[in-house]
Amino acid sequence: MSIAGAGTASAHAGHSTTPAATLTSPVGESVGALWHHTQMYHLSDPSWEVTSMLTDPAGNLKVHGQMLDDTLSPIVGAATGALGG
């Protein structure tokens, strides 16, 4: 499921996810994806955000679109499944 329209190709290559078995599992998966993004892009290089916006704004938006997909998709998928959709 793609929320931001970035497709299934991930800028977070190597990021593993686990199947959602309970409601807490998708939340944990979402938090994990957000933490992975924060570590990889913001904590490892605090100037990345400004530098990427100045040199490659489209790439920056793609990375953040993928982060939104990785973060929201588990929760949206679990909610849709819980509602019978």
Protein backbone atom coordinates (compact mmCIF):
# COMPACT_ATOMS: atom_id res chain seq x y z
CA MET A 1 0.00 0.00 0.00
CA SER A 2 1.44 3.34 -0.99
CA ILE A 3 0.27 6.46 0.84
CA ALA A 4 2.46 9.21 -0.63
CA GLY A 5 2.57 7.74 -4.13
CA ALA A 6 6.29 6.96 -4.03
CA GLY A 7 5.58 3.36 -5.02
CA THR A 8 7.14 0.35 -3.40
CA ALA A 9 10.80 1.20 -4.10
CA SER A 10 12.28 2.29 -0.83
CA ALA A 11 14.96 4.85 -0.07
CA HIS A 12 15.27 2.82 3.10
CA ALA A 13 16.82 -0.22 1.43
CA GLY A 14 17.53 -2.99 3.87
CA HIS A 15 14.77 -1.82 6.20
CA SER A 16 13.04 -4.98 7.36
CA THR A 17 9.43 -5.10 8.43
CA THR A 18 7.53 -7.76 10.32
CA PRO A 19 4.00 -8.91 9.56
CA ALA A 20 1.28 -7.12 11.50
CA ALA A 21 -0.35 -9.65 13.80
CA THR A 22 -1.89 -7.32 16.39
CA LEU A 23 -2.76 -3.66 16.63
CA THR A 24 0.44 -2.96 18.57
CA SER A 25 2.52 -4.61 15.85
CA PRO A 26 1.60 -2.03 13.16
CA VAL A 27 2.19 0.81 15.61
CA GLY A 28 5.59 -0.64 16.51
CA GLU A 29 6.40 -1.07 12.83
CA SER A 30 5.46 2.55 12.17
CA VAL A 31 7.55 3.81 15.07
CA GLY A 32 10.43 1.67 13.86
CA ALA A 33 10.20 3.13 10.35
CA LEU A 34 10.13 6.67 11.72
CA TRP A 35 13.10 5.97 14.01
CA HIS A 36 15.03 4.39 11.11
CA HIS A 37 14.44 7.50 8.99
CA THR A 38 15.47 9.81 11.85
CA GLN A 39 18.68 7.88 12.50
CA MET A 40 19.63 7.44 8.86
CA TYR A 41 18.94 10.95 7.62
CA HIS A 42 18.81 13.36 10.55
CA LEU A 43 20.99 12.04 13.38
CA SER A 44 23.80 10.67 11.21
CA ASP A 45 24.11 14.01 9.36
CA PRO A 46 22.30 16.91 11.04
CA SER A 47 22.90 19.16 8.00
CA TRP A 48 21.29 16.66 5.60
CA GLU A 49 17.88 18.33 5.59
CA VAL A 50 19.14 21.77 4.61
CA THR A 51 21.76 20.45 2.20
CA SER A 52 19.33 18.14 0.42
CA MET A 53 16.67 20.84 0.13
CA LEU A 54 19.21 23.17 -1.47
CA THR A 55 20.88 20.63 -3.77
CA ASP A 56 18.19 18.01 -4.45
CA PRO A 57 14.71 19.09 -3.35
CA ALA A 58 13.01 16.37 -5.40
CA GLY A 59 15.17 13.71 -3.75
CA ASN A 60 14.41 15.15 -0.33
CA LEU A 61 10.68 15.00 -1.02
CA LYS A 62 10.99 11.43 -2.32
CA VAL A 63 12.80 10.34 0.86
CA HIS A 64 10.13 11.98 3.03
CA GLY A 65 7.32 10.55 0.89
CA GLN A 66 8.78 7.09 1.40
CA MET A 67 9.10 7.77 5.13
CA LEU A 68 5.39 8.64 5.20
CA ASP A 69 4.59 5.42 3.31
CA ASP A 70 6.71 3.35 5.69
CA THR A 71 5.22 5.06 8.74
CA LEU A 72 1.53 5.25 7.82
CA SER A 73 0.99 2.12 5.73
CA PRO A 74 1.11 -0.39 8.64
CA ILE A 75 -1.44 1.61 10.64
CA VAL A 76 -3.74 2.26 7.68
CA GLY A 77 -3.50 -1.39 6.65
CA ALA A 78 -4.37 -2.60 10.16
CA ALA A 79 -7.26 -0.15 10.46
CA THR A 80 -8.62 -1.16 7.07
CA GLY A 81 -8.32 -4.84 7.99
CA ALA A 82 -9.99 -4.28 11.37
CA LEU A 83 -12.91 -2.58 9.62
CA GLY A 84 -13.30 -5.51 7.26
CA GLY A 85 -11.87 -3.74 4.21
